[in-house]
Amino acid sequence: MDTHNRRPPIIDMTPEGEFREPPLRQPGRFDRVLARVGGVAILLAVIAGGLVLAALAVLSLAVLLPIAIVAAAIGAGSLWWRMRRARSTGGGVPPGPGGRVMRFVIIRR
């Protein structure tokens, strides 16, 4: 590297010993266009991200809803079958004022 042709840096100081900032370069037309295009691109990226999240929510709902419906149908069928069998055997509970009463027993281990 040729160090003889390099200019030394210009240090601009005030009489009080503080450094002066170099004057800011005014943005040109191309800089303004790039800033606007970048802003629009960021806005589109945020909108696309929101749409992706909404699509994932719909997809998870579409996957989980049939599972929940099948599980509810199995649970309702199980309860219906137990009540039917309990009615046929008498259930071991004396009838109440509105008909037979169903008691559930929870066994804790």
N, C-alpha and C. Protein backbone atom coordinates (compact mmCIF):
# COMPACT_ATOMS: atom_id res chain seq x y z
N MET A 1 0.85 -1.17 0.00
CA MET A 1 0.00 0.00 0.00
C MET A 1 0.89 1.24 0.00
N ASP A 2 0.54 2.19 -0.79
CA ASP A 2 1.34 3.39 -0.94
C ASP A 2 0.88 4.42 0.08
N THR A 3 1.67 4.68 1.11
CA THR A 3 1.30 5.62 2.16
C THR A 3 1.77 7.02 1.90
N HIS A 4 2.58 7.23 0.88
CA HIS A 4 3.10 8.58 0.61
C HIS A 4 2.07 9.48 -0.04
N ASN A 5 1.13 8.92 -0.81
CA ASN A 5 0.16 9.73 -1.52
C ASN A 5 -1.13 9.96 -0.73
N ARG A 6 -1.26 9.39 0.45
CA ARG A 6 -2.48 9.55 1.24
C ARG A 6 -2.48 10.91 1.91
N ARG A 7 -3.65 11.53 1.93
CA ARG A 7 -3.78 12.81 2.63
C ARG A 7 -4.03 12.54 4.11
N PRO A 8 -3.50 13.35 4.95
CA PRO A 8 -3.79 13.18 6.38
C PRO A 8 -5.23 13.61 6.66
N PRO A 9 -5.84 13.04 7.70
CA PRO A 9 -7.22 13.44 8.00
C PRO A 9 -7.27 14.89 8.49
N ILE A 10 -8.36 15.55 8.16
CA ILE A 10 -8.55 16.93 8.58
C ILE A 10 -9.28 16.92 9.91
N ILE A 11 -8.67 17.50 10.93
CA ILE A 11 -9.30 17.59 12.24
C ILE A 11 -9.69 19.05 12.45
N ASP A 12 -10.97 19.26 12.53
CA ASP A 12 -11.50 20.62 12.67
C ASP A 12 -11.88 20.81 14.13
N MET A 13 -11.17 21.71 14.81
CA MET A 13 -11.42 21.97 16.23
C MET A 13 -11.75 23.44 16.45
N THR A 14 -12.57 23.65 17.46
CA THR A 14 -12.89 25.01 17.87
C THR A 14 -11.78 25.52 18.79
N PRO A 15 -11.72 26.83 19.04
CA PRO A 15 -10.70 27.34 19.97
C PRO A 15 -10.85 26.78 21.40
N GLU A 16 -12.03 26.29 21.74
CA GLU A 16 -12.24 25.71 23.07
C GLU A 16 -11.75 24.27 23.13
N GLY A 17 -11.36 23.67 22.01
CA GLY A 17 -10.85 22.31 22.00
C GLY A 17 -11.89 21.25 21.67
N GLU A 18 -13.05 21.65 21.21
CA GLU A 18 -14.09 20.69 20.84
C GLU A 18 -14.02 20.42 19.34
N PHE A 19 -14.39 19.19 18.98
CA PHE A 19 -14.38 18.83 17.57
C PHE A 19 -15.66 19.30 16.90
N ARG A 20 -15.51 19.75 15.67
CA ARG A 20 -16.66 20.13 14.87
C ARG A 20 -17.05 18.95 14.00
N GLU A 21 -18.36 18.79 13.87
CA GLU A 21 -18.86 17.73 13.00
C GLU A 21 -18.77 18.20 11.56
N PRO A 22 -18.45 17.29 10.66
CA PRO A 22 -18.44 17.69 9.25
C PRO A 22 -19.86 18.00 8.80
N PRO A 23 -20.02 18.90 7.88
CA PRO A 23 -21.37 19.23 7.42
C PRO A 23 -22.04 18.00 6.80
N LEU A 24 -23.31 17.84 7.12
CA LEU A 24 -24.06 16.71 6.59
C LEU A 24 -24.30 16.88 5.11
N ARG A 25 -24.16 15.79 4.39
CA ARG A 25 -24.40 15.81 2.96
C ARG A 25 -25.91 15.78 2.74
N GLN A 26 -26.42 16.64 1.94
CA GLN A 26 -27.85 16.68 1.64
C GLN A 26 -28.23 15.47 0.80
N PRO A 27 -29.31 14.79 1.20
CA PRO A 27 -29.70 13.61 0.42
C PRO A 27 -30.16 14.02 -0.98
N GLY A 28 -29.73 13.24 -1.93
CA GLY A 28 -30.11 13.52 -3.31
C GLY A 28 -31.45 12.87 -3.64
N ARG A 29 -31.82 13.03 -4.89
CA ARG A 29 -33.09 12.48 -5.34
C ARG A 29 -33.10 10.95 -5.26
N PHE A 30 -31.97 10.32 -5.61
CA PHE A 30 -31.86 8.87 -5.56
C PHE A 30 -31.99 8.37 -4.12
N ASP A 31 -31.42 9.08 -3.15
CA ASP A 31 -31.54 8.69 -1.75
C ASP A 31 -33.00 8.76 -1.28
N ARG A 32 -33.71 9.78 -1.69
CA ARG A 32 -35.11 9.90 -1.30
C ARG A 32 -35.95 8.79 -1.93
N VAL A 33 -35.67 8.46 -3.18
CA VAL A 33 -36.41 7.37 -3.85
C VAL A 33 -36.12 6.05 -3.14
N LEU A 34 -34.85 5.80 -2.81
CA LEU A 34 -34.50 4.56 -2.11
C LEU A 34 -35.16 4.49 -0.73
N ALA A 35 -35.24 5.61 -0.03
CA ALA A 35 -35.90 5.62 1.28
C ALA A 35 -37.38 5.30 1.14
N ARG A 36 -38.02 5.86 0.15
CA ARG A 36 -39.45 5.58 -0.04
C ARG A 36 -39.68 4.13 -0.44
N VAL A 37 -38.87 3.61 -1.36
CA VAL A 37 -39.00 2.21 -1.79
C VAL A 37 -38.75 1.28 -0.60
N GLY A 38 -37.74 1.61 0.22
CA GLY A 38 -37.46 0.78 1.40
C GLY A 38 -38.61 0.80 2.38
N GLY A 39 -39.25 1.95 2.57
CA GLY A 39 -40.40 2.03 3.47
C GLY A 39 -41.57 1.21 2.97
N VAL A 40 -41.82 1.27 1.68
CA VAL A 40 -42.90 0.47 1.10
C VAL A 40 -42.59 -1.02 1.21
N ALA A 41 -41.33 -1.39 1.01
CA ALA A 41 -40.94 -2.80 1.12
C ALA A 41 -41.13 -3.31 2.55
N ILE A 42 -40.78 -2.50 3.54
CA ILE A 42 -40.97 -2.91 4.93
C ILE A 42 -42.46 -3.05 5.24
N LEU A 43 -43.27 -2.13 4.77
CA LEU A 43 -44.72 -2.21 4.98
C LEU A 43 -45.29 -3.48 4.35
N LEU A 44 -44.87 -3.80 3.14
CA LEU A 44 -45.34 -5.02 2.48
C LEU A 44 -44.89 -6.27 3.24
N ALA A 45 -43.67 -6.24 3.79
CA ALA A 45 -43.18 -7.38 4.56
C ALA A 45 -44.00 -7.58 5.83
N VAL A 46 -44.38 -6.50 6.49
CA VAL A 46 -45.20 -6.60 7.70
C VAL A 46 -46.59 -7.14 7.35
N ILE A 47 -47.17 -6.66 6.27
CA ILE A 47 -48.49 -7.15 5.85
C ILE A 47 -48.42 -8.62 5.48
N ALA A 48 -47.37 -9.02 4.75
CA ALA A 48 -47.22 -10.43 4.39
C ALA A 48 -47.03 -11.31 5.63
N GLY A 49 -46.28 -10.82 6.61
CA GLY A 49 -46.12 -11.57 7.85
C GLY A 49 -47.44 -11.75 8.58
N GLY A 50 -48.25 -10.71 8.61
CA GLY A 50 -49.57 -10.82 9.22
C GLY A 50 -50.46 -11.82 8.50
N LEU A 51 -50.40 -11.82 7.18
CA LEU A 51 -51.19 -12.79 6.40
C LEU A 51 -50.71 -14.21 6.65
N VAL A 52 -49.40 -14.39 6.81
CA VAL A 52 -48.87 -15.73 7.11
C VAL A 52 -49.36 -16.20 8.47
N LEU A 53 -49.36 -15.31 9.46
CA LEU A 53 -49.87 -15.69 10.78
C LEU A 53 -51.36 -16.03 10.74
N ALA A 54 -52.12 -15.25 9.97
CA ALA A 54 -53.55 -15.55 9.84
C ALA A 54 -53.77 -16.89 9.14
N ALA A 55 -52.96 -17.17 8.12
CA ALA A 55 -53.09 -18.45 7.42
C ALA A 55 -52.73 -19.61 8.35
N LEU A 56 -51.71 -19.43 9.18
CA LEU A 56 -51.36 -20.49 10.14
C LEU A 56 -52.48 -20.71 11.15
N ALA A 57 -53.14 -19.64 11.57
CA ALA A 57 -54.25 -19.79 12.51
C ALA A 57 -55.40 -20.56 11.86
N VAL A 58 -55.71 -20.24 10.63
CA VAL A 58 -56.79 -20.95 9.92
C VAL A 58 -56.41 -22.41 9.70
N LEU A 59 -55.14 -22.65 9.35
CA LEU A 59 -54.69 -24.02 9.14
C LEU A 59 -54.75 -24.84 10.42
N SER A 60 -54.31 -24.26 11.53
CA SER A 60 -54.37 -25.00 12.79
C SER A 60 -55.82 -25.24 13.20
N LEU A 61 -56.69 -24.29 12.95
CA LEU A 61 -58.11 -24.49 13.25
C LEU A 61 -58.69 -25.60 12.37
N ALA A 62 -58.30 -25.61 11.12
CA ALA A 62 -58.81 -26.64 10.21
C ALA A 62 -58.31 -28.03 10.60
N VAL A 63 -57.13 -28.11 11.20
CA VAL A 63 -56.60 -29.40 11.63
C VAL A 63 -57.20 -29.82 12.96
N LEU A 64 -57.35 -28.88 13.90
CA LEU A 64 -57.79 -29.22 15.25
C LEU A 64 -59.30 -29.37 15.38
N LEU A 65 -60.07 -28.70 14.55
CA LEU A 65 -61.53 -28.77 14.66
C LEU A 65 -62.07 -30.18 14.43
N PRO A 66 -61.66 -30.89 13.40
CA PRO A 66 -62.16 -32.27 13.25
C PRO A 66 -61.74 -33.18 14.40
N ILE A 67 -60.56 -32.98 14.93
CA ILE A 67 -60.12 -33.78 16.08
C ILE A 67 -61.01 -33.51 17.27
N ALA A 68 -61.34 -32.25 17.52
CA ALA A 68 -62.22 -31.91 18.64
C ALA A 68 -63.62 -32.47 18.44
N ILE A 69 -64.12 -32.44 17.21
CA ILE A 69 -65.46 -32.97 16.94
C ILE A 69 -65.49 -34.48 17.16
N VAL A 70 -64.48 -35.19 16.68
CA VAL A 70 -64.42 -36.65 16.87
C VAL A 70 -64.30 -36.98 18.35
N ALA A 71 -63.45 -36.25 19.10
CA ALA A 71 -63.29 -36.51 20.53
C ALA A 71 -64.60 -36.25 21.27
N ALA A 72 -65.31 -35.18 20.91
CA ALA A 72 -66.60 -34.90 21.55
C ALA A 72 -67.63 -35.97 21.22
N ALA A 73 -67.64 -36.46 19.99
CA ALA A 73 -68.57 -37.52 19.61
C ALA A 73 -68.28 -38.81 20.37
N ILE A 74 -67.01 -39.14 20.52
CA ILE A 74 -66.64 -40.35 21.27
C ILE A 74 -67.05 -40.20 22.74
N GLY A 75 -66.78 -39.03 23.33
CA GLY A 75 -67.17 -38.80 24.72
C GLY A 75 -68.68 -38.86 24.91
N ALA A 76 -69.44 -38.23 24.00
CA ALA A 76 -70.90 -38.25 24.11
C ALA A 76 -71.43 -39.66 23.91
N GLY A 77 -70.84 -40.41 22.97
CA GLY A 77 -71.26 -41.79 22.77
C GLY A 77 -70.97 -42.66 23.98
N SER A 78 -69.84 -42.44 24.61
CA SER A 78 -69.49 -43.20 25.81
C SER A 78 -70.47 -42.91 26.94
N LEU A 79 -70.78 -41.64 27.16
CA LEU A 79 -71.75 -41.28 28.21
C LEU A 79 -73.14 -41.83 27.89
N TRP A 80 -73.54 -41.74 26.62
CA TRP A 80 -74.84 -42.26 26.24
C TRP A 80 -74.91 -43.76 26.50
N TRP A 81 -73.87 -44.51 26.12
CA TRP A 81 -73.85 -45.94 26.32
C TRP A 81 -73.89 -46.29 27.81
N ARG A 82 -73.15 -45.58 28.65
CA ARG A 82 -73.15 -45.85 30.08
C ARG A 82 -74.53 -45.57 30.69
N MET A 83 -75.17 -44.50 30.28
CA MET A 83 -76.50 -44.18 30.81
C MET A 83 -77.52 -45.22 30.35
N ARG A 84 -77.40 -45.70 29.13
CA ARG A 84 -78.31 -46.71 28.61
C ARG A 84 -78.16 -48.02 29.39
N ARG A 85 -76.92 -48.40 29.63
CA ARG A 85 -76.70 -49.64 30.39
C ARG A 85 -77.15 -49.49 31.84
N ALA A 86 -76.94 -48.30 32.42
CA ALA A 86 -77.37 -48.08 33.80
C ALA A 86 -78.90 -48.11 33.90
N ARG A 87 -79.59 -47.58 32.89
CA ARG A 87 -81.05 -47.61 32.90
C ARG A 87 -81.57 -49.03 32.77
N SER A 88 -80.90 -49.84 31.97
CA SER A 88 -81.38 -51.21 31.76
C SER A 88 -81.16 -52.08 33.00
N THR A 89 -80.12 -51.78 33.79
CA THR A 89 -79.87 -52.57 35.00
C THR A 89 -80.47 -51.93 36.23
N GLY A 90 -81.13 -50.84 36.11
CA GLY A 90 -81.73 -50.18 37.25
C GLY A 90 -80.85 -49.11 37.85
N GLY A 91 -79.59 -49.15 37.58
CA GLY A 91 -78.70 -48.10 38.02
C GLY A 91 -78.39 -48.11 39.49
N GLY A 92 -79.12 -48.87 40.29
CA GLY A 92 -78.84 -48.94 41.72
C GLY A 92 -79.21 -47.68 42.46
N VAL A 93 -79.95 -46.78 41.83
CA VAL A 93 -80.33 -45.52 42.47
C VAL A 93 -81.85 -45.44 42.43
N PRO A 94 -82.46 -45.13 43.55
CA PRO A 94 -83.92 -45.00 43.53
C PRO A 94 -84.34 -43.83 42.66
N PRO A 95 -85.46 -43.97 41.98
CA PRO A 95 -85.88 -42.88 41.08
C PRO A 95 -86.22 -41.63 41.86
N GLY A 96 -85.83 -40.51 41.30
CA GLY A 96 -86.12 -39.22 41.91
C GLY A 96 -87.41 -38.67 41.36
N PRO A 97 -87.72 -37.42 41.66
CA PRO A 97 -88.98 -36.84 41.19
C PRO A 97 -89.04 -36.70 39.67
N GLY A 98 -87.90 -36.53 39.01
CA GLY A 98 -87.91 -36.35 37.55
C GLY A 98 -87.54 -37.62 36.82
N GLY A 99 -87.47 -38.74 37.45
CA GLY A 99 -87.05 -39.98 36.81
C GLY A 99 -85.82 -40.53 37.52
N ARG A 100 -85.04 -41.30 36.81
CA ARG A 100 -83.87 -41.91 37.44
C ARG A 100 -82.73 -40.89 37.54
N VAL A 101 -81.93 -41.05 38.56
CA VAL A 101 -80.79 -40.15 38.79
C VAL A 101 -79.52 -40.92 38.46
N MET A 102 -78.63 -40.30 37.75
CA MET A 102 -77.37 -40.94 37.37
C MET A 102 -76.28 -40.41 38.27
N ARG A 103 -75.56 -41.30 38.94
CA ARG A 103 -74.44 -40.88 39.78
C ARG A 103 -73.15 -41.36 39.13
N PHE A 104 -72.17 -40.48 39.12
CA PHE A 104 -70.87 -40.83 38.59
C PHE A 104 -69.91 -41.01 39.76
N VAL A 105 -69.10 -42.01 39.69
CA VAL A 105 -68.12 -42.30 40.74
C VAL A 105 -66.75 -42.07 40.15
N ILE A 106 -65.95 -41.28 40.85
CA ILE A 106 -64.58 -41.01 40.41
C ILE A 106 -63.66 -41.77 41.33
N ILE A 107 -62.86 -42.64 40.77
CA ILE A 107 -61.90 -43.43 41.55
C ILE A 107 -60.56 -42.74 41.47
N ARG A 108 -60.01 -42.36 42.61
CA ARG A 108 -58.69 -41.71 42.65
C ARG A 108 -57.65 -42.75 43.02
N ARG A 109 -56.54 -42.66 42.38
CA ARG A 109 -55.46 -43.59 42.68
C ARG A 109 -54.37 -42.91 43.45
